[in-house]
Amino acid sequence: GVRLGYNFANGQLDSAALNLGDAADINLSIGNVSYLSRGFSAAIYHRSYMSIDKKGRFGLFAEWELAGKMTRSKTGGAEDGGYSNIADNYRLSLNFAPGLAVYIFPNVCASVSFGLGGLQYNHIRQMDGEMNFTGKRDFSKLRFGLNLAEINIGVNIHLWSKKTDK
């Protein structure tokens, strides 16, 4: 299968303050900060189904996904309308997610999957407000374990007929 995605986030913080009192001697304030982020993602995935009933309506599956994502984030002072920090993030990941499937109709399947981890590589390029290069960061991580933020519920439509025994 194929997945395509787009994300957009926009926000502004007029003012915030933190004062932990004289004993802690911590007093922090921040204000006039804006944030803008846009990103595109694409992924290809493969699912292998295993039936757990005789009619094949209920099943388990294992899914492997190869995904790429590009995001540009901007932060800066809100009073001048410009951005003082721009970051481009490029991410490539290989993920594993098992799940449960219920065939509502012969070619329509409702599913829930649980992200269990995978391998991820990130390249971040940092620039100032005039798009001058200020730095970069490359990192990768290998993670395995249940992530509650990666529980996906979906509907899949199979564009081909299931094989029938003759």
N, C-alpha and C. Protein backbone atom coordinates (compact mmCIF):
# COMPACT_ATOMS: atom_id res chain seq x y z
N GLY A 1 0.81 -1.18 0.00
CA GLY A 1 0.00 0.00 0.00
C GLY A 1 0.86 1.25 0.00
N VAL A 2 0.19 2.38 -0.12
CA VAL A 2 0.84 3.68 -0.16
C VAL A 2 0.12 4.61 0.82
N ARG A 3 0.89 5.43 1.52
CA ARG A 3 0.33 6.46 2.40
C ARG A 3 0.94 7.80 2.04
N LEU A 4 0.11 8.85 2.00
CA LEU A 4 0.57 10.21 1.77
C LEU A 4 0.04 11.08 2.90
N GLY A 5 0.82 12.07 3.33
CA GLY A 5 0.38 12.91 4.43
C GLY A 5 0.86 14.34 4.31
N TYR A 6 0.14 15.23 4.99
CA TYR A 6 0.49 16.64 5.07
C TYR A 6 0.17 17.11 6.49
N ASN A 7 1.08 17.85 7.11
CA ASN A 7 0.78 18.42 8.42
C ASN A 7 1.09 19.91 8.42
N PHE A 8 0.31 20.64 9.22
CA PHE A 8 0.43 22.09 9.31
C PHE A 8 0.21 22.48 10.76
N ALA A 9 1.09 23.31 11.31
CA ALA A 9 0.93 23.83 12.67
C ALA A 9 1.32 25.30 12.66
N ASN A 10 0.52 26.12 13.34
CA ASN A 10 0.76 27.55 13.40
C ASN A 10 0.33 28.03 14.78
N GLY A 11 1.19 28.76 15.45
CA GLY A 11 0.84 29.24 16.78
C GLY A 11 1.60 30.49 17.16
N GLN A 12 1.07 31.15 18.19
CA GLN A 12 1.70 32.36 18.69
C GLN A 12 1.54 32.40 20.21
N LEU A 13 2.59 32.78 20.89
CA LEU A 13 2.60 32.92 22.34
C LEU A 13 2.85 34.39 22.66
N ASP A 14 1.85 35.05 23.24
CA ASP A 14 2.00 36.47 23.57
C ASP A 14 2.91 36.65 24.78
N SER A 15 2.63 35.91 25.86
CA SER A 15 3.49 36.00 27.03
C SER A 15 3.28 34.80 27.94
N ALA A 16 4.32 34.42 28.63
CA ALA A 16 4.27 33.36 29.63
C ALA A 16 5.31 33.67 30.69
N ALA A 17 5.00 33.34 31.95
CA ALA A 17 5.92 33.62 33.04
C ALA A 17 5.93 32.46 34.02
N LEU A 18 7.09 32.21 34.62
CA LEU A 18 7.27 31.18 35.64
C LEU A 18 8.08 31.78 36.77
N ASN A 19 7.51 31.76 37.96
CA ASN A 19 8.19 32.28 39.14
C ASN A 19 8.06 31.24 40.24
N LEU A 20 9.17 30.62 40.63
CA LEU A 20 9.16 29.58 41.66
C LEU A 20 9.44 30.13 43.05
N GLY A 21 9.41 31.42 43.20
CA GLY A 21 9.56 32.02 44.52
C GLY A 21 10.99 32.39 44.83
N ASP A 22 11.14 33.10 45.97
CA ASP A 22 12.47 33.57 46.37
C ASP A 22 13.39 32.44 46.80
N ALA A 23 12.84 31.38 47.38
CA ALA A 23 13.67 30.28 47.85
C ALA A 23 14.35 29.56 46.69
N ALA A 24 13.64 29.37 45.59
CA ALA A 24 14.22 28.68 44.44
C ALA A 24 15.04 29.63 43.58
N ASP A 25 14.78 30.93 43.68
CA ASP A 25 15.50 31.95 42.92
C ASP A 25 15.42 31.70 41.42
N ILE A 26 14.21 31.31 40.95
CA ILE A 26 13.99 31.09 39.52
C ILE A 26 12.82 31.95 39.08
N ASN A 27 13.07 32.83 38.14
CA ASN A 27 12.05 33.69 37.56
C ASN A 27 12.30 33.75 36.06
N LEU A 28 11.36 33.27 35.27
CA LEU A 28 11.53 33.16 33.82
C LEU A 28 10.30 33.74 33.13
N SER A 29 10.52 34.52 32.09
CA SER A 29 9.41 35.02 31.29
C SER A 29 9.80 35.00 29.82
N ILE A 30 8.81 34.78 28.99
CA ILE A 30 9.02 34.73 27.54
C ILE A 30 7.79 35.34 26.88
N GLY A 31 7.98 35.97 25.74
CA GLY A 31 6.84 36.57 25.07
C GLY A 31 7.11 36.87 23.61
N ASN A 32 6.02 37.12 22.89
CA ASN A 32 6.06 37.46 21.47
C ASN A 32 6.83 36.44 20.65
N VAL A 33 6.40 35.20 20.71
CA VAL A 33 7.03 34.11 19.96
C VAL A 33 6.00 33.51 19.01
N SER A 34 6.40 33.30 17.76
CA SER A 34 5.52 32.66 16.79
C SER A 34 6.18 31.40 16.23
N TYR A 35 5.34 30.47 15.77
CA TYR A 35 5.80 29.18 15.26
C TYR A 35 4.96 28.80 14.05
N LEU A 36 5.63 28.29 13.01
CA LEU A 36 4.96 27.82 11.80
C LEU A 36 5.68 26.57 11.32
N SER A 37 4.91 25.52 11.02
CA SER A 37 5.51 24.27 10.54
C SER A 37 4.63 23.65 9.47
N ARG A 38 5.27 23.19 8.39
CA ARG A 38 4.59 22.47 7.31
C ARG A 38 5.43 21.25 6.96
N GLY A 39 4.74 20.15 6.68
CA GLY A 39 5.46 18.93 6.34
C GLY A 39 4.68 18.03 5.40
N PHE A 40 5.42 17.27 4.62
CA PHE A 40 4.86 16.29 3.69
C PHE A 40 5.48 14.94 4.00
N SER A 41 4.69 13.88 3.88
CA SER A 41 5.21 12.54 4.12
C SER A 41 4.67 11.58 3.06
N ALA A 42 5.44 10.54 2.82
CA ALA A 42 5.04 9.47 1.91
C ALA A 42 5.61 8.16 2.44
N ALA A 43 4.85 7.09 2.26
CA ALA A 43 5.29 5.79 2.76
C ALA A 43 4.75 4.68 1.88
N ILE A 44 5.51 3.62 1.80
CA ILE A 44 5.02 2.38 1.21
C ILE A 44 5.02 1.34 2.32
N TYR A 45 4.05 0.45 2.28
CA TYR A 45 3.97 -0.56 3.33
C TYR A 45 3.52 -1.90 2.76
N HIS A 46 3.82 -2.94 3.51
CA HIS A 46 3.42 -4.31 3.15
C HIS A 46 2.78 -4.95 4.37
N ARG A 47 1.61 -5.55 4.17
CA ARG A 47 0.92 -6.27 5.24
C ARG A 47 0.77 -7.73 4.87
N SER A 48 1.03 -8.58 5.84
CA SER A 48 0.79 -10.02 5.70
C SER A 48 -0.30 -10.41 6.69
N TYR A 49 -1.42 -10.92 6.17
CA TYR A 49 -2.56 -11.26 7.00
C TYR A 49 -2.56 -12.74 7.36
N MET A 50 -3.10 -13.05 8.56
CA MET A 50 -3.29 -14.43 8.99
C MET A 50 -4.70 -14.52 9.58
N SER A 51 -5.53 -15.38 9.03
CA SER A 51 -6.91 -15.51 9.48
C SER A 51 -6.96 -16.22 10.83
N ILE A 52 -7.89 -15.78 11.70
CA ILE A 52 -8.07 -16.47 12.98
C ILE A 52 -9.47 -17.09 13.09
N ASP A 53 -10.25 -17.06 12.00
CA ASP A 53 -11.52 -17.78 11.95
C ASP A 53 -11.61 -18.50 10.60
N LYS A 54 -12.56 -19.41 10.47
CA LYS A 54 -12.65 -20.23 9.27
C LYS A 54 -13.09 -19.44 8.03
N LYS A 55 -13.90 -18.40 8.19
CA LYS A 55 -14.38 -17.63 7.05
C LYS A 55 -13.40 -16.54 6.62
N GLY A 56 -12.39 -16.26 7.40
CA GLY A 56 -11.40 -15.26 7.05
C GLY A 56 -11.82 -13.83 7.30
N ARG A 57 -12.80 -13.62 8.16
CA ARG A 57 -13.26 -12.25 8.45
C ARG A 57 -12.43 -11.57 9.53
N PHE A 58 -11.90 -12.33 10.46
CA PHE A 58 -11.08 -11.79 11.54
C PHE A 58 -9.66 -12.27 11.35
N GLY A 59 -8.71 -11.37 11.59
CA GLY A 59 -7.34 -11.79 11.38
C GLY A 59 -6.34 -10.91 12.10
N LEU A 60 -5.14 -11.39 12.08
CA LEU A 60 -3.99 -10.66 12.59
C LEU A 60 -3.12 -10.29 11.41
N PHE A 61 -2.33 -9.24 11.54
CA PHE A 61 -1.42 -8.89 10.45
C PHE A 61 -0.12 -8.33 11.01
N ALA A 62 0.89 -8.41 10.18
CA ALA A 62 2.19 -7.79 10.46
C ALA A 62 2.45 -6.80 9.33
N GLU A 63 2.84 -5.59 9.69
CA GLU A 63 3.04 -4.54 8.70
C GLU A 63 4.45 -3.97 8.80
N TRP A 64 5.11 -3.87 7.64
CA TRP A 64 6.40 -3.19 7.53
C TRP A 64 6.18 -1.94 6.70
N GLU A 65 6.76 -0.82 7.14
CA GLU A 65 6.57 0.45 6.46
C GLU A 65 7.91 1.13 6.24
N LEU A 66 8.12 1.65 5.03
CA LEU A 66 9.28 2.48 4.71
C LEU A 66 8.72 3.87 4.43
N ALA A 67 9.09 4.86 5.29
CA ALA A 67 8.48 6.19 5.22
C ALA A 67 9.53 7.28 5.13
N GLY A 68 9.17 8.36 4.46
CA GLY A 68 9.99 9.55 4.38
C GLY A 68 9.15 10.77 4.71
N LYS A 69 9.76 11.76 5.37
CA LYS A 69 9.03 12.96 5.76
C LYS A 69 9.96 14.16 5.65
N MET A 70 9.44 15.27 5.10
CA MET A 70 10.17 16.53 5.02
C MET A 70 9.34 17.60 5.72
N THR A 71 9.96 18.31 6.67
CA THR A 71 9.26 19.34 7.43
C THR A 71 10.11 20.60 7.50
N ARG A 72 9.48 21.76 7.35
CA ARG A 72 10.15 23.05 7.56
C ARG A 72 9.44 23.74 8.72
N SER A 73 10.22 24.11 9.75
CA SER A 73 9.69 24.79 10.92
C SER A 73 10.35 26.16 11.04
N LYS A 74 9.54 27.16 11.42
CA LYS A 74 10.03 28.52 11.59
C LYS A 74 9.60 29.04 12.95
N THR A 75 10.54 29.67 13.67
CA THR A 75 10.22 30.33 14.94
C THR A 75 10.80 31.73 14.92
N GLY A 76 10.17 32.63 15.67
CA GLY A 76 10.69 33.99 15.72
C GLY A 76 9.83 34.90 16.56
N GLY A 77 10.21 36.17 16.57
CA GLY A 77 9.47 37.19 17.29
C GLY A 77 8.20 37.55 16.57
N ALA A 78 7.09 37.60 17.29
CA ALA A 78 5.79 37.86 16.68
C ALA A 78 5.57 39.32 16.34
N GLU A 79 6.25 40.25 17.01
CA GLU A 79 5.95 41.67 16.77
C GLU A 79 6.43 42.15 15.41
N ASP A 80 7.51 41.62 14.87
CA ASP A 80 7.99 42.07 13.57
C ASP A 80 7.47 41.22 12.41
N GLY A 81 6.82 40.10 12.69
CA GLY A 81 6.26 39.25 11.66
C GLY A 81 7.27 38.37 10.96
N GLY A 82 8.56 38.51 11.26
CA GLY A 82 9.58 37.68 10.64
C GLY A 82 9.95 36.49 11.50
N TYR A 83 10.77 35.62 10.95
CA TYR A 83 11.23 34.44 11.66
C TYR A 83 12.74 34.50 11.78
N SER A 84 13.25 34.22 12.97
CA SER A 84 14.68 34.30 13.21
C SER A 84 15.36 32.94 13.14
N ASN A 85 14.59 31.85 13.12
CA ASN A 85 15.17 30.52 13.10
C ASN A 85 14.34 29.64 12.17
N ILE A 86 14.99 29.00 11.21
CA ILE A 86 14.33 28.12 10.25
C ILE A 86 15.06 26.78 10.27
N ALA A 87 14.29 25.70 10.34
CA ALA A 87 14.89 24.36 10.38
C ALA A 87 14.19 23.46 9.37
N ASP A 88 14.98 22.76 8.55
CA ASP A 88 14.47 21.73 7.65
C ASP A 88 14.84 20.38 8.24
N ASN A 89 13.82 19.52 8.38
CA ASN A 89 14.04 18.19 8.95
C ASN A 89 13.67 17.14 7.90
N TYR A 90 14.61 16.27 7.58
CA TYR A 90 14.40 15.17 6.64
C TYR A 90 14.49 13.87 7.44
N ARG A 91 13.44 13.05 7.37
CA ARG A 91 13.40 11.81 8.15
C ARG A 91 13.12 10.62 7.25
N LEU A 92 13.86 9.54 7.46
CA LEU A 92 13.64 8.28 6.77
C LEU A 92 13.51 7.21 7.85
N SER A 93 12.46 6.38 7.76
CA SER A 93 12.26 5.38 8.81
C SER A 93 11.75 4.07 8.25
N LEU A 94 12.09 3.00 8.94
CA LEU A 94 11.59 1.66 8.67
C LEU A 94 10.91 1.20 9.95
N ASN A 95 9.59 0.94 9.88
CA ASN A 95 8.79 0.68 11.07
C ASN A 95 8.09 -0.67 10.99
N PHE A 96 7.81 -1.24 12.17
CA PHE A 96 7.06 -2.49 12.28
C PHE A 96 5.83 -2.26 13.14
N ALA A 97 4.66 -2.72 12.66
CA ALA A 97 3.41 -2.54 13.41
C ALA A 97 2.50 -3.74 13.20
N PRO A 98 2.32 -4.59 14.22
CA PRO A 98 1.33 -5.66 14.12
C PRO A 98 -0.06 -5.11 14.43
N GLY A 99 -1.10 -5.88 14.07
CA GLY A 99 -2.44 -5.38 14.33
C GLY A 99 -3.52 -6.42 14.17
N LEU A 100 -4.75 -5.96 14.34
CA LEU A 100 -5.95 -6.78 14.20
C LEU A 100 -6.77 -6.24 13.04
N ALA A 101 -7.43 -7.16 12.30
CA ALA A 101 -8.22 -6.76 11.14
C ALA A 101 -9.57 -7.46 11.16
N VAL A 102 -10.61 -6.73 10.74
CA VAL A 102 -11.96 -7.28 10.61
C VAL A 102 -12.46 -6.89 9.22
N TYR A 103 -12.81 -7.90 8.42
CA TYR A 103 -13.33 -7.65 7.09
C TYR A 103 -14.83 -7.38 7.19
N ILE A 104 -15.23 -6.12 6.98
CA ILE A 104 -16.63 -5.72 7.03
C ILE A 104 -17.35 -6.22 5.78
N PHE A 105 -16.72 -6.07 4.62
CA PHE A 105 -17.17 -6.58 3.34
C PHE A 105 -16.00 -7.36 2.75
N PRO A 106 -16.20 -8.11 1.68
CA PRO A 106 -15.09 -8.90 1.14
C PRO A 106 -13.83 -8.09 0.80
N ASN A 107 -13.97 -6.83 0.37
CA ASN A 107 -12.80 -6.02 0.00
C ASN A 107 -12.60 -4.82 0.91
N VAL A 108 -13.33 -4.71 2.02
CA VAL A 108 -13.21 -3.58 2.95
C VAL A 108 -12.85 -4.11 4.33
N CYS A 109 -11.78 -3.58 4.88
CA CYS A 109 -11.23 -4.09 6.14
C CYS A 109 -11.04 -2.94 7.13
N ALA A 110 -11.57 -3.08 8.34
CA ALA A 110 -11.30 -2.15 9.43
C ALA A 110 -10.13 -2.72 10.22
N SER A 111 -9.21 -1.85 10.64
CA SER A 111 -8.02 -2.38 11.31
C SER A 111 -7.56 -1.46 12.43
N VAL A 112 -6.84 -2.03 13.36
CA VAL A 112 -6.15 -1.29 14.41
C VAL A 112 -4.74 -1.87 14.50
N SER A 113 -3.74 -0.99 14.50
CA SER A 113 -2.35 -1.46 14.57
C SER A 113 -1.62 -0.74 15.70
N PHE A 114 -0.56 -1.38 16.18
CA PHE A 114 0.22 -0.89 17.31
C PHE A 114 1.67 -0.76 16.88
N GLY A 115 2.19 0.46 16.89
CA GLY A 115 3.58 0.67 16.52
C GLY A 115 4.52 0.09 17.57
N LEU A 116 5.39 -0.81 17.13
CA LEU A 116 6.34 -1.43 18.06
C LEU A 116 7.76 -0.95 17.86
N GLY A 117 7.99 -0.04 16.91
CA GLY A 117 9.32 0.51 16.77
C GLY A 117 9.91 0.29 15.40
N GLY A 118 11.20 0.57 15.32
CA GLY A 118 11.91 0.44 14.07
C GLY A 118 13.18 1.27 14.07
N LEU A 119 13.67 1.53 12.87
CA LEU A 119 14.91 2.26 12.66
C LEU A 119 14.57 3.61 12.04
N GLN A 120 15.22 4.68 12.53
CA GLN A 120 14.92 6.02 12.05
C GLN A 120 16.20 6.83 11.88
N TYR A 121 16.27 7.59 10.78
CA TYR A 121 17.40 8.48 10.51
C TYR A 121 16.85 9.89 10.27
N ASN A 122 17.47 10.91 10.91
CA ASN A 122 17.07 12.31 10.76
C ASN A 122 18.26 13.15 10.33
N HIS A 123 17.99 14.09 9.43
CA HIS A 123 18.97 15.11 9.05
C HIS A 123 18.28 16.46 9.22
N ILE A 124 18.81 17.31 10.10
CA ILE A 124 18.23 18.62 10.37
C ILE A 124 19.23 19.68 9.91
N ARG A 125 18.74 20.63 9.13
CA ARG A 125 19.55 21.73 8.62
C ARG A 125 18.99 23.02 9.21
N GLN A 126 19.82 23.79 9.91
CA GLN A 126 19.40 24.99 10.61
C GLN A 126 19.85 26.23 9.84
N MET A 127 18.94 27.26 9.76
CA MET A 127 19.25 28.51 9.08
C MET A 127 18.72 29.68 9.90
N ASP A 128 19.28 30.86 9.66
CA ASP A 128 18.76 32.06 10.32
C ASP A 128 17.62 32.65 9.47
N GLY A 129 17.11 33.80 9.86
CA GLY A 129 15.98 34.42 9.17
C GLY A 129 16.25 34.80 7.73
N GLU A 130 17.52 35.03 7.35
CA GLU A 130 17.88 35.36 5.97
C GLU A 130 18.30 34.13 5.18
N MET A 131 18.02 32.95 5.69
CA MET A 131 18.33 31.66 5.05
C MET A 131 19.83 31.39 4.95
N ASN A 132 20.63 31.96 5.85
CA ASN A 132 22.06 31.64 5.94
C ASN A 132 22.23 30.39 6.81
N PHE A 133 23.04 29.47 6.33
CA PHE A 133 23.27 28.21 7.03
C PHE A 133 23.93 28.48 8.39
N THR A 134 23.37 27.91 9.45
CA THR A 134 23.95 28.09 10.80
C THR A 134 24.37 26.78 11.45
N GLY A 135 23.93 25.65 10.93
CA GLY A 135 24.35 24.38 11.51
C GLY A 135 23.51 23.22 11.01
N LYS A 136 23.95 22.01 11.36
CA LYS A 136 23.22 20.82 10.97
C LYS A 136 23.38 19.76 12.05
N ARG A 137 22.49 18.80 12.01
CA ARG A 137 22.55 17.68 12.96
C ARG A 137 22.05 16.44 12.27
N ASP A 138 22.79 15.36 12.39
CA ASP A 138 22.39 14.05 11.88
C ASP A 138 22.31 13.10 13.05
N PHE A 139 21.22 12.33 13.13
CA PHE A 139 21.14 11.33 14.17
C PHE A 139 20.23 10.19 13.72
N SER A 140 20.43 9.05 14.33
CA SER A 140 19.61 7.88 14.05
C SER A 140 19.29 7.20 15.37
N LYS A 141 18.20 6.42 15.34
CA LYS A 141 17.85 5.68 16.55
C LYS A 141 17.15 4.39 16.17
N LEU A 142 17.35 3.41 17.01
CA LEU A 142 16.70 2.11 16.90
C LEU A 142 15.87 1.96 18.15
N ARG A 143 14.57 1.79 17.98
CA ARG A 143 13.69 1.71 19.14
C ARG A 143 12.71 0.56 18.97
N PHE A 144 12.47 -0.16 20.07
CA PHE A 144 11.47 -1.22 20.09
C PHE A 144 10.71 -1.14 21.40
N GLY A 145 9.42 -1.33 21.34
CA GLY A 145 8.54 -1.25 22.50
C GLY A 145 7.25 -0.58 22.09
N LEU A 146 6.19 -0.83 22.82
CA LEU A 146 4.89 -0.27 22.51
C LEU A 146 4.89 1.23 22.74
N ASN A 147 4.49 1.99 21.73
CA ASN A 147 4.37 3.43 21.81
C ASN A 147 2.89 3.78 21.72
N LEU A 148 2.31 4.32 22.80
CA LEU A 148 0.88 4.62 22.82
C LEU A 148 0.50 5.72 21.84
N ALA A 149 1.47 6.51 21.37
CA ALA A 149 1.18 7.55 20.37
C ALA A 149 1.08 6.95 18.97
N GLU A 150 1.43 5.69 18.80
CA GLU A 150 1.39 5.05 17.48
C GLU A 150 0.34 3.94 17.44
N ILE A 151 -0.84 4.22 17.94
CA ILE A 151 -1.97 3.31 17.78
C ILE A 151 -2.80 3.88 16.64
N ASN A 152 -2.92 3.14 15.56
CA ASN A 152 -3.60 3.62 14.36
C ASN A 152 -4.88 2.83 14.12
N ILE A 153 -5.95 3.54 13.82
CA ILE A 153 -7.23 2.94 13.47
C ILE A 153 -7.54 3.36 12.04
N GLY A 154 -7.92 2.39 11.21
CA GLY A 154 -8.14 2.75 9.81
C GLY A 154 -9.06 1.80 9.08
N VAL A 155 -9.34 2.17 7.84
CA VAL A 155 -10.14 1.36 6.93
C VAL A 155 -9.30 1.15 5.67
N ASN A 156 -9.19 -0.08 5.24
CA ASN A 156 -8.45 -0.41 4.02
C ASN A 156 -9.42 -0.94 2.98
N ILE A 157 -9.24 -0.49 1.76
CA ILE A 157 -10.04 -0.97 0.64
C ILE A 157 -9.10 -1.70 -0.30
N HIS A 158 -9.34 -2.98 -0.51
CA HIS A 158 -8.52 -3.79 -1.41
C HIS A 158 -9.08 -3.64 -2.82
N LEU A 159 -8.24 -3.22 -3.74
CA LEU A 159 -8.68 -2.96 -5.10
C LEU A 159 -8.69 -4.20 -5.98
N TRP A 160 -8.39 -5.34 -5.42
CA TRP A 160 -8.40 -6.58 -6.17
C TRP A 160 -9.27 -7.58 -5.44
N SER A 161 -9.72 -8.60 -6.14
CA SER A 161 -10.57 -9.63 -5.53
C SER A 161 -9.72 -10.61 -4.76
N LYS A 162 -10.31 -11.16 -3.70
CA LYS A 162 -9.62 -12.22 -2.97
C LYS A 162 -9.62 -13.47 -3.85
N LYS A 163 -8.58 -14.27 -3.70
CA LYS A 163 -8.51 -15.52 -4.44
C LYS A 163 -9.60 -16.48 -3.93
N THR A 164 -10.22 -17.17 -4.84
CA THR A 164 -11.22 -18.16 -4.46
C THR A 164 -10.73 -19.53 -4.83
N ASP A 165 -11.04 -20.49 -3.99
CA ASP A 165 -10.65 -21.89 -4.27
C ASP A 165 -11.65 -22.49 -5.24
N LYS A 166 -11.14 -23.19 -6.27
CA LYS A 166 -12.01 -23.83 -7.26
C LYS A 166 -11.89 -25.32 -7.15
